[in-house]
All heavy atoms as atom14 arrays in JSON, in Angstrom:
{
  "sequence": "KERDTVAVISRSGGNTYYADSVKGRFTISRDVAKNTVYLQMNSLK",
  "atom14_mask": [
    [1, 1, 1, 1, 1, 1, 1, 1, 1, 0, 0, 0, 0, 0],
    [1, 1, 1, 1, 1, 1, 1, 1, 1, 0, 0, 0, 0, 0],
    [1, 1, 1, 1, 1, 1, 1, 1, 1, 1, 1, 0, 0, 0],
    [1, 1, 1, 1, 1, 1, 1, 1, 0, 0, 0, 0, 0, 0],
    [1, 1, 1, 1, 1, 1, 1, 0, 0, 0, 0, 0, 0, 0],
    [1, 1, 1, 1, 1, 1, 1, 0, 0, 0, 0, 0, 0, 0],
    [1, 1, 1, 1, 1, 0, 0, 0, 0, 0, 0, 0, 0, 0],
    [1, 1, 1, 1, 1, 1, 1, 0, 0, 0, 0, 0, 0, 0],
    [1, 1, 1, 1, 1, 1, 1, 1, 0, 0, 0, 0, 0, 0],
    [1, 1, 1, 1, 1, 1, 0, 0, 0, 0, 0, 0, 0, 0],
    [1, 1, 1, 1, 1, 1, 1, 1, 1, 1, 1, 0, 0, 0],
    [1, 1, 1, 1, 1, 1, 0, 0, 0, 0, 0, 0, 0, 0],
    [1, 1, 1, 1, 0, 0, 0, 0, 0, 0, 0, 0, 0, 0],
    [1, 1, 1, 1, 0, 0, 0, 0, 0, 0, 0, 0, 0, 0],
    [1, 1, 1, 1, 1, 1, 1, 1, 0, 0, 0, 0, 0, 0],
    [1, 1, 1, 1, 1, 1, 1, 0, 0, 0, 0, 0, 0, 0],
    [1, 1, 1, 1, 1, 1, 1, 1, 1, 1, 1, 1, 0, 0],
    [1, 1, 1, 1, 1, 1, 1, 1, 1, 1, 1, 1, 0, 0],
    [1, 1, 1, 1, 1, 0, 0, 0, 0, 0, 0, 0, 0, 0],
    [1, 1, 1, 1, 1, 1, 1, 1, 0, 0, 0, 0, 0, 0],
    [1, 1, 1, 1, 1, 1, 0, 0, 0, 0, 0, 0, 0, 0],
    [1, 1, 1, 1, 1, 1, 1, 0, 0, 0, 0, 0, 0, 0],
    [1, 1, 1, 1, 1, 1, 1, 1, 1, 0, 0, 0, 0, 0],
    [1, 1, 1, 1, 0, 0, 0, 0, 0, 0, 0, 0, 0, 0],
    [1, 1, 1, 1, 1, 1, 1, 1, 1, 1, 1, 0, 0, 0],
    [1, 1, 1, 1, 1, 1, 1, 1, 1, 1, 1, 0, 0, 0],
    [1, 1, 1, 1, 1, 1, 1, 0, 0, 0, 0, 0, 0, 0],
    [1, 1, 1, 1, 1, 1, 1, 1, 0, 0, 0, 0, 0, 0],
    [1, 1, 1, 1, 1, 1, 0, 0, 0, 0, 0, 0, 0, 0],
    [1, 1, 1, 1, 1, 1, 1, 1, 1, 1, 1, 0, 0, 0],
    [1, 1, 1, 1, 1, 1, 1, 1, 0, 0, 0, 0, 0, 0],
    [1, 1, 1, 1, 1, 1, 1, 0, 0, 0, 0, 0, 0, 0],
    [1, 1, 1, 1, 1, 0, 0, 0, 0, 0, 0, 0, 0, 0],
    [1, 1, 1, 1, 1, 1, 1, 1, 1, 0, 0, 0, 0, 0],
    [1, 1, 1, 1, 1, 1, 1, 1, 0, 0, 0, 0, 0, 0],
    [1, 1, 1, 1, 1, 1, 1, 0, 0, 0, 0, 0, 0, 0],
    [1, 1, 1, 1, 1, 1, 1, 0, 0, 0, 0, 0, 0, 0],
    [1, 1, 1, 1, 1, 1, 1, 1, 1, 1, 1, 1, 0, 0],
    [1, 1, 1, 1, 1, 1, 1, 1, 0, 0, 0, 0, 0, 0],
    [1, 1, 1, 1, 1, 1, 1, 1, 1, 0, 0, 0, 0, 0],
    [1, 1, 1, 1, 1, 1, 1, 1, 0, 0, 0, 0, 0, 0],
    [1, 1, 1, 1, 1, 1, 1, 1, 0, 0, 0, 0, 0, 0],
    [1, 1, 1, 1, 1, 1, 0, 0, 0, 0, 0, 0, 0, 0],
    [1, 1, 1, 1, 1, 1, 1, 1, 0, 0, 0, 0, 0, 0],
    [1, 1, 1, 1, 1, 1, 1, 1, 1, 0, 0, 0, 0, 0]
  ],
  "atom14_positions": [
    [[92.71, 109.77, 92.61], [91.59, 109.27, 91.81], [91.32, 107.81, 92.11], [92.13, 107.11, 92.7], [91.87, 109.47, 90.33], [91.96, 110.93, 89.91], [91.97, 111.09, 88.41], [91.93, 112.54, 88.02], [91.89, 112.71, 86.54], [0.0, 0.0, 0.0], [0.0, 0.0, 0.0], [0.0, 0.0, 0.0], [0.0, 0.0, 0.0], [0.0, 0.0, 0.0]],
    [[90.16, 107.35, 91.67], [89.77, 105.96, 91.86], [90.54, 105.05, 90.93], [91.03, 105.46, 89.88], [88.27, 105.79, 91.61], [87.37, 106.62, 92.53], [87.39, 106.13, 93.94], [87.61, 104.91, 94.16], [87.19, 106.94, 94.86], [0.0, 0.0, 0.0], [0.0, 0.0, 0.0], [0.0, 0.0, 0.0], [0.0, 0.0, 0.0], [0.0, 0.0, 0.0]],
    [[90.65, 103.78, 91.34], [91.26, 102.77, 90.49], [90.31, 102.4, 89.36], [89.14, 102.1, 89.61], [91.61, 101.53, 91.32], [92.28, 100.41, 90.55], [92.63, 99.27, 91.48], [91.45, 98.79, 92.19], [91.49, 97.91, 93.19], [92.65, 97.43, 93.6], [90.36, 97.54, 93.78], [0.0, 0.0, 0.0], [0.0, 0.0, 0.0], [0.0, 0.0, 0.0]],
    [[90.8, 102.44, 88.14], [89.98, 102.19, 86.97], [90.42, 100.93, 86.25], [91.61, 100.61, 86.18], [90.05, 103.36, 85.98], [89.44, 104.63, 86.52], [88.47, 104.55, 87.29], [89.92, 105.72, 86.15], [0.0, 0.0, 0.0], [0.0, 0.0, 0.0], [0.0, 0.0, 0.0], [0.0, 0.0, 0.0], [0.0, 0.0, 0.0], [0.0, 0.0, 0.0]],
    [[89.46, 100.23, 85.69], [89.76, 99.11, 84.83], [90.24, 99.6, 83.48], [89.65, 100.51, 82.9], [88.51, 98.23, 84.64], [88.01, 97.82, 85.92], [88.82, 97.0, 83.81], [0.0, 0.0, 0.0], [0.0, 0.0, 0.0], [0.0, 0.0, 0.0], [0.0, 0.0, 0.0], [0.0, 0.0, 0.0], [0.0, 0.0, 0.0], [0.0, 0.0, 0.0]],
    [[91.31, 99.02, 82.98], [91.88, 99.4, 81.69], [91.56, 98.34, 80.64], [91.0, 98.64, 79.58], [93.4, 99.6, 81.78], [93.97, 99.92, 80.4], [93.72, 100.72, 82.77], [0.0, 0.0, 0.0], [0.0, 0.0, 0.0], [0.0, 0.0, 0.0], [0.0, 0.0, 0.0], [0.0, 0.0, 0.0], [0.0, 0.0, 0.0], [0.0, 0.0, 0.0]],
    [[91.93, 97.09, 80.92], [91.73, 96.01, 79.98], [91.7, 94.69, 80.73], [92.35, 94.53, 81.75], [92.83, 95.99, 78.91], [0.0, 0.0, 0.0], [0.0, 0.0, 0.0], [0.0, 0.0, 0.0], [0.0, 0.0, 0.0], [0.0, 0.0, 0.0], [0.0, 0.0, 0.0], [0.0, 0.0, 0.0], [0.0, 0.0, 0.0], [0.0, 0.0, 0.0]],
    [[90.96, 93.74, 80.2], [90.79, 92.44, 80.82], [90.86, 91.36, 79.75], [90.4, 91.57, 78.62], [89.44, 92.36, 81.56], [89.09, 90.94, 81.96], [89.44, 93.27, 82.78], [0.0, 0.0, 0.0], [0.0, 0.0, 0.0], [0.0, 0.0, 0.0], [0.0, 0.0, 0.0], [0.0, 0.0, 0.0], [0.0, 0.0, 0.0], [0.0, 0.0, 0.0]],
    [[91.42, 90.2, 80.1], [91.46, 89.07, 79.2], [90.97, 87.84, 79.95], [91.28, 87.64, 81.12], [92.87, 88.86, 78.61], [92.86, 87.83, 77.48], [93.87, 88.48, 79.7], [94.13, 87.85, 76.64], [0.0, 0.0, 0.0], [0.0, 0.0, 0.0], [0.0, 0.0, 0.0], [0.0, 0.0, 0.0], [0.0, 0.0, 0.0], [0.0, 0.0, 0.0]],
    [[90.18, 87.01, 79.27], [89.61, 85.83, 79.89], [90.66, 84.75, 80.11], [91.76, 84.8, 79.53], [88.48, 85.28, 79.02], [88.98, 84.82, 77.77], [0.0, 0.0, 0.0], [0.0, 0.0, 0.0], [0.0, 0.0, 0.0], [0.0, 0.0, 0.0], [0.0, 0.0, 0.0], [0.0, 0.0, 0.0], [0.0, 0.0, 0.0], [0.0, 0.0, 0.0]],
    [[90.32, 83.76, 80.94], [91.24, 82.64, 81.16], [91.54, 81.9, 79.87], [92.64, 81.38, 79.7], [90.66, 81.67, 82.2], [90.72, 82.18, 83.62], [90.65, 81.03, 84.6], [89.31, 80.45, 84.68], [89.06, 79.15, 84.69], [90.05, 78.28, 84.65], [87.81, 78.72, 84.77], [0.0, 0.0, 0.0], [0.0, 0.0, 0.0], [0.0, 0.0, 0.0]],
    [[90.56, 81.88, 78.98], [90.77, 81.22, 77.7], [91.76, 81.97, 76.81], [92.35, 81.38, 75.9], [89.44, 81.09, 76.95], [88.99, 82.35, 76.5], [0.0, 0.0, 0.0], [0.0, 0.0, 0.0], [0.0, 0.0, 0.0], [0.0, 0.0, 0.0], [0.0, 0.0, 0.0], [0.0, 0.0, 0.0], [0.0, 0.0, 0.0], [0.0, 0.0, 0.0]],
    [[91.92, 83.26, 77.06], [92.77, 84.1, 76.23], [92.1, 84.61, 74.98], [92.68, 85.43, 74.26], [0.0, 0.0, 0.0], [0.0, 0.0, 0.0], [0.0, 0.0, 0.0], [0.0, 0.0, 0.0], [0.0, 0.0, 0.0], [0.0, 0.0, 0.0], [0.0, 0.0, 0.0], [0.0, 0.0, 0.0], [0.0, 0.0, 0.0], [0.0, 0.0, 0.0]],
    [[90.88, 84.16, 74.73], [90.21, 84.49, 73.5], [89.27, 85.68, 73.57], [88.8, 86.15, 72.52], [0.0, 0.0, 0.0], [0.0, 0.0, 0.0], [0.0, 0.0, 0.0], [0.0, 0.0, 0.0], [0.0, 0.0, 0.0], [0.0, 0.0, 0.0], [0.0, 0.0, 0.0], [0.0, 0.0, 0.0], [0.0, 0.0, 0.0], [0.0, 0.0, 0.0]],
    [[88.98, 86.16, 74.77], [88.05, 87.27, 74.94], [88.74, 88.42, 75.65], [89.47, 88.2, 76.62], [86.82, 86.83, 75.74], [86.05, 85.73, 75.04], [85.89, 85.75, 73.82], [85.57, 84.77, 75.8], [0.0, 0.0, 0.0], [0.0, 0.0, 0.0], [0.0, 0.0, 0.0], [0.0, 0.0, 0.0], [0.0, 0.0, 0.0], [0.0, 0.0, 0.0]],
    [[88.49, 89.62, 75.2], [89.09, 90.82, 75.81], [88.07, 91.92, 75.99], [87.05, 91.97, 75.3], [90.26, 91.36, 74.97], [89.81, 91.65, 73.65], [91.39, 90.35, 74.9], [0.0, 0.0, 0.0], [0.0, 0.0, 0.0], [0.0, 0.0, 0.0], [0.0, 0.0, 0.0], [0.0, 0.0, 0.0], [0.0, 0.0, 0.0], [0.0, 0.0, 0.0]],
    [[88.36, 92.8, 76.94], [87.54, 93.96, 77.22], [88.45, 95.18, 77.39], [89.52, 95.07, 77.98], [86.73, 93.76, 78.5], [86.21, 95.04, 79.11], [84.99, 95.57, 78.69], [86.93, 95.72, 80.07], [84.51, 96.75, 79.23], [86.46, 96.91, 80.62], [85.25, 97.41, 80.19], [84.78, 98.58, 80.73], [0.0, 0.0, 0.0], [0.0, 0.0, 0.0]],
    [[87.99, 96.33, 76.9], [88.74, 97.57, 77.04], [87.84, 98.69, 77.53], [86.69, 98.8, 77.11], [89.38, 98.0, 75.71], [90.35, 96.99, 75.17], [89.94, 96.02, 74.25], [91.67, 97.0, 75.57], [90.84, 95.1, 73.77], [92.57, 96.09, 75.1], [92.16, 95.13, 74.19], [93.06, 94.2, 73.7], [0.0, 0.0, 0.0], [0.0, 0.0, 0.0]],
    [[88.38, 99.51, 78.4], [87.67, 100.72, 78.79], [87.51, 101.63, 77.58], [88.38, 101.64, 76.69], [88.43, 101.44, 79.9], [0.0, 0.0, 0.0], [0.0, 0.0, 0.0], [0.0, 0.0, 0.0], [0.0, 0.0, 0.0], [0.0, 0.0, 0.0], [0.0, 0.0, 0.0], [0.0, 0.0, 0.0], [0.0, 0.0, 0.0], [0.0, 0.0, 0.0]],
    [[86.43, 102.38, 77.55], [86.19, 103.27, 76.42], [87.34, 104.25, 76.2], [87.66, 104.6, 75.07], [84.89, 104.05, 76.62], [83.66, 103.19, 76.46], [83.76, 102.09, 75.87], [82.58, 103.61, 76.92], [0.0, 0.0, 0.0], [0.0, 0.0, 0.0], [0.0, 0.0, 0.0], [0.0, 0.0, 0.0], [0.0, 0.0, 0.0], [0.0, 0.0, 0.0]],
    [[87.97, 104.67, 77.28], [89.03, 105.66, 77.19], [90.29, 105.15, 76.5], [91.11, 105.96, 76.05], [89.39, 106.18, 78.59], [89.82, 105.12, 79.42], [0.0, 0.0, 0.0], [0.0, 0.0, 0.0], [0.0, 0.0, 0.0], [0.0, 0.0, 0.0], [0.0, 0.0, 0.0], [0.0, 0.0, 0.0], [0.0, 0.0, 0.0], [0.0, 0.0, 0.0]],
    [[90.46, 103.84, 76.42], [91.66, 103.28, 75.81], [91.36, 102.43, 74.58], [92.29, 101.97, 73.9], [92.48, 102.43, 76.81], [92.77, 103.25, 78.07], [91.74, 101.14, 77.17], [0.0, 0.0, 0.0], [0.0, 0.0, 0.0], [0.0, 0.0, 0.0], [0.0, 0.0, 0.0], [0.0, 0.0, 0.0], [0.0, 0.0, 0.0], [0.0, 0.0, 0.0]],
    [[90.12, 102.23, 74.28], [89.72, 101.39, 73.15], [90.32, 101.91, 71.85], [90.25, 103.09, 71.55], [88.19, 101.34, 73.06], [87.64, 100.17, 72.31], [86.11, 100.1, 72.45], [85.69, 99.89, 73.89], [84.21, 99.82, 74.05], [0.0, 0.0, 0.0], [0.0, 0.0, 0.0], [0.0, 0.0, 0.0], [0.0, 0.0, 0.0], [0.0, 0.0, 0.0]],
    [[90.93, 101.02, 71.11], [91.57, 101.38, 69.86], [93.01, 101.8, 70.01], [93.72, 101.92, 69.01], [0.0, 0.0, 0.0], [0.0, 0.0, 0.0], [0.0, 0.0, 0.0], [0.0, 0.0, 0.0], [0.0, 0.0, 0.0], [0.0, 0.0, 0.0], [0.0, 0.0, 0.0], [0.0, 0.0, 0.0], [0.0, 0.0, 0.0], [0.0, 0.0, 0.0]],
    [[93.46, 102.05, 71.24], [94.84, 102.46, 71.49], [95.64, 101.4, 72.25], [96.84, 101.28, 72.03], [94.86, 103.77, 72.29], [94.19, 104.93, 71.58], [94.45, 106.24, 72.32], [93.85, 106.23, 73.66], [94.52, 106.39, 74.79], [95.85, 106.58, 74.75], [93.9, 106.39, 75.96], [0.0, 0.0, 0.0], [0.0, 0.0, 0.0], [0.0, 0.0, 0.0]],
    [[94.99, 100.69, 73.15], [95.65, 99.69, 73.98], [95.26, 98.29, 73.56], [94.14, 98.06, 73.09], [95.27, 99.86, 75.47], [95.81, 101.1, 76.12], [96.41, 102.11, 75.4], [95.7, 101.24, 77.49], [96.9, 103.26, 76.02], [96.18, 102.37, 78.13], [96.78, 103.39, 77.39], [0.0, 0.0, 0.0], [0.0, 0.0, 0.0], [0.0, 0.0, 0.0]],
    [[96.17, 97.33, 73.76], [95.9, 95.94, 73.45], [96.43, 95.06, 74.57], [97.61, 95.15, 74.94], [96.55, 95.5, 72.14], [96.1, 96.34, 71.07], [96.19, 94.05, 71.82], [0.0, 0.0, 0.0], [0.0, 0.0, 0.0], [0.0, 0.0, 0.0], [0.0, 0.0, 0.0], [0.0, 0.0, 0.0], [0.0, 0.0, 0.0], [0.0, 0.0, 0.0]],
    [[95.57, 94.21, 75.12], [95.99, 93.24, 76.12], [96.21, 91.9, 75.44], [95.44, 91.51, 74.55], [94.98, 93.13, 77.27], [95.52, 92.22, 78.39], [93.62, 92.63, 76.78], [94.66, 92.23, 79.65], [0.0, 0.0, 0.0], [0.0, 0.0, 0.0], [0.0, 0.0, 0.0], [0.0, 0.0, 0.0], [0.0, 0.0, 0.0], [0.0, 0.0, 0.0]],
    [[97.26, 91.2, 75.83], [97.54, 89.88, 75.25], [98.26, 89.03, 76.29], [98.74, 89.55, 77.3], [98.39, 90.02, 73.98], [99.64, 90.61, 74.26], [0.0, 0.0, 0.0], [0.0, 0.0, 0.0], [0.0, 0.0, 0.0], [0.0, 0.0, 0.0], [0.0, 0.0, 0.0], [0.0, 0.0, 0.0], [0.0, 0.0, 0.0], [0.0, 0.0, 0.0]],
    [[98.33, 87.75, 76.03], [99.04, 86.86, 76.95], [99.88, 85.85, 76.17], [99.5, 85.4, 75.09], [98.05, 86.16, 77.89], [97.03, 85.25, 77.22], [95.88, 84.93, 78.16], [96.31, 84.33, 79.41], [95.57, 84.21, 80.51], [94.33, 84.68, 80.51], [96.06, 83.65, 81.6], [0.0, 0.0, 0.0], [0.0, 0.0, 0.0], [0.0, 0.0, 0.0]],
    [[101.02, 85.52, 76.74], [101.94, 84.55, 76.18], [102.08, 83.45, 77.22], [102.81, 83.61, 78.2], [103.28, 85.2, 75.86], [104.22, 84.26, 75.1], [104.12, 83.03, 75.28], [105.07, 84.76, 74.35], [0.0, 0.0, 0.0], [0.0, 0.0, 0.0], [0.0, 0.0, 0.0], [0.0, 0.0, 0.0], [0.0, 0.0, 0.0], [0.0, 0.0, 0.0]],
    [[101.42, 82.34, 77.01], [101.42, 81.25, 77.98], [102.82, 80.67, 78.16], [103.23, 80.35, 79.28], [100.43, 80.15, 77.57], [100.52, 78.95, 78.51], [99.01, 80.69, 77.56], [0.0, 0.0, 0.0], [0.0, 0.0, 0.0], [0.0, 0.0, 0.0], [0.0, 0.0, 0.0], [0.0, 0.0, 0.0], [0.0, 0.0, 0.0], [0.0, 0.0, 0.0]],
    [[103.57, 80.55, 77.09], [104.91, 79.99, 77.15], [105.83, 80.81, 78.05], [106.74, 80.26, 78.68], [105.52, 79.88, 75.76], [0.0, 0.0, 0.0], [0.0, 0.0, 0.0], [0.0, 0.0, 0.0], [0.0, 0.0, 0.0], [0.0, 0.0, 0.0], [0.0, 0.0, 0.0], [0.0, 0.0, 0.0], [0.0, 0.0, 0.0], [0.0, 0.0, 0.0]],
    [[105.62, 82.12, 78.11], [106.44, 83.0, 78.93], [105.78, 83.39, 80.25], [106.34, 84.17, 81.01], [106.78, 84.27, 78.15], [107.63, 84.03, 76.93], [107.96, 85.33, 76.21], [108.84, 85.07, 75.0], [109.15, 86.33, 74.27], [0.0, 0.0, 0.0], [0.0, 0.0, 0.0], [0.0, 0.0, 0.0], [0.0, 0.0, 0.0], [0.0, 0.0, 0.0]],
    [[104.59, 82.85, 80.51], [103.84, 83.17, 81.73], [103.71, 84.68, 81.91], [103.88, 85.2, 83.02], [104.51, 82.55, 82.96], [104.35, 81.04, 83.02], [103.53, 80.47, 82.31], [105.13, 80.41, 83.87], [0.0, 0.0, 0.0], [0.0, 0.0, 0.0], [0.0, 0.0, 0.0], [0.0, 0.0, 0.0], [0.0, 0.0, 0.0], [0.0, 0.0, 0.0]],
    [[103.38, 85.37, 80.85], [103.38, 86.83, 80.86], [102.14, 87.39, 80.17], [101.72, 86.88, 79.12], [104.64, 87.39, 80.19], [105.8, 86.88, 80.87], [104.67, 88.9, 80.24], [0.0, 0.0, 0.0], [0.0, 0.0, 0.0], [0.0, 0.0, 0.0], [0.0, 0.0, 0.0], [0.0, 0.0, 0.0], [0.0, 0.0, 0.0], [0.0, 0.0, 0.0]],
    [[101.59, 88.45, 80.77], [100.51, 89.22, 80.16], [101.08, 90.58, 79.79], [101.86, 91.16, 80.55], [99.32, 89.37, 81.13], [98.27, 90.29, 80.53], [98.73, 88.01, 81.43], [0.0, 0.0, 0.0], [0.0, 0.0, 0.0], [0.0, 0.0, 0.0], [0.0, 0.0, 0.0], [0.0, 0.0, 0.0], [0.0, 0.0, 0.0], [0.0, 0.0, 0.0]],
    [[100.66, 91.09, 78.64], [101.18, 92.36, 78.16], [100.06, 93.39, 78.0], [98.88, 93.04, 77.79], [101.84, 92.2, 76.79], [102.98, 91.22, 76.79], [102.79, 89.9, 76.37], [104.25, 91.6, 77.19], [103.83, 89.0, 76.35], [105.3, 90.7, 77.19], [105.09, 89.4, 76.76], [106.12, 88.5, 76.75], [0.0, 0.0, 0.0], [0.0, 0.0, 0.0]],
    [[100.42, 94.64, 78.09], [99.54, 95.73, 77.72], [100.31, 96.65, 76.79], [101.19, 97.38, 77.21], [99.05, 96.52, 78.95], [98.03, 97.62, 78.64], [96.71, 97.0, 78.2], [97.81, 98.51, 79.86], [0.0, 0.0, 0.0], [0.0, 0.0, 0.0], [0.0, 0.0, 0.0], [0.0, 0.0, 0.0], [0.0, 0.0, 0.0], [0.0, 0.0, 0.0]],
    [[99.99, 96.55, 75.51], [100.6, 97.43, 74.51], [99.81, 98.73, 74.48], [98.6, 98.72, 74.24], [100.58, 96.77, 73.13], [101.17, 97.63, 72.02], [102.64, 97.88, 72.2], [103.4, 96.95, 72.46], [103.07, 99.13, 72.06], [0.0, 0.0, 0.0], [0.0, 0.0, 0.0], [0.0, 0.0, 0.0], [0.0, 0.0, 0.0], [0.0, 0.0, 0.0]],
    [[100.48, 99.84, 74.72], [99.84, 101.13, 74.81], [100.39, 102.03, 73.71], [101.58, 102.36, 73.7], [100.07, 101.77, 76.18], [99.65, 100.88, 77.34], [99.77, 101.72, 78.94], [101.56, 101.94, 79.03], [0.0, 0.0, 0.0], [0.0, 0.0, 0.0], [0.0, 0.0, 0.0], [0.0, 0.0, 0.0], [0.0, 0.0, 0.0], [0.0, 0.0, 0.0]],
    [[99.53, 102.41, 72.77], [99.9, 103.27, 71.67], [99.14, 104.58, 71.76], [98.14, 104.7, 72.45], [99.59, 102.59, 70.33], [100.36, 101.31, 70.13], [101.51, 101.2, 70.54], [99.75, 100.35, 69.45], [0.0, 0.0, 0.0], [0.0, 0.0, 0.0], [0.0, 0.0, 0.0], [0.0, 0.0, 0.0], [0.0, 0.0, 0.0], [0.0, 0.0, 0.0]],
    [[99.62, 105.57, 71.03], [98.98, 106.9, 70.99], [98.71, 107.41, 72.4], [97.61, 107.89, 72.71], [97.69, 106.83, 70.18], [97.95, 106.4, 68.86], [0.0, 0.0, 0.0], [0.0, 0.0, 0.0], [0.0, 0.0, 0.0], [0.0, 0.0, 0.0], [0.0, 0.0, 0.0], [0.0, 0.0, 0.0], [0.0, 0.0, 0.0], [0.0, 0.0, 0.0]],
    [[99.7, 107.34, 73.24], [99.53, 107.7, 74.65], [99.2, 109.19, 74.82], [99.69, 110.04, 74.08], [100.77, 107.35, 75.45], [100.9, 105.86, 75.76], [102.33, 105.49, 76.14], [99.95, 105.48, 76.9], [0.0, 0.0, 0.0], [0.0, 0.0, 0.0], [0.0, 0.0, 0.0], [0.0, 0.0, 0.0], [0.0, 0.0, 0.0], [0.0, 0.0, 0.0]],
    [[98.36, 109.46, 75.81], [97.93, 110.79, 76.15], [98.34, 111.12, 77.58], [98.49, 110.23, 78.39], [96.4, 110.9, 76.03], [95.84, 110.5, 74.69], [94.32, 110.51, 74.72], [93.73, 110.1, 73.4], [92.24, 110.09, 73.45], [0.0, 0.0, 0.0], [0.0, 0.0, 0.0], [0.0, 0.0, 0.0], [0.0, 0.0, 0.0], [0.0, 0.0, 0.0]]
  ]
}
């Protein structure tokens, strides 16, 4: 299958985007102190 966008976060960290297929289930976040971006995935299918 093709590569799909799941979630995106802006450089500011204040804006996010989610694909319709994961909206309400997944959360993207970033921790600057840890130099890490996370994708929390709930209600997995």
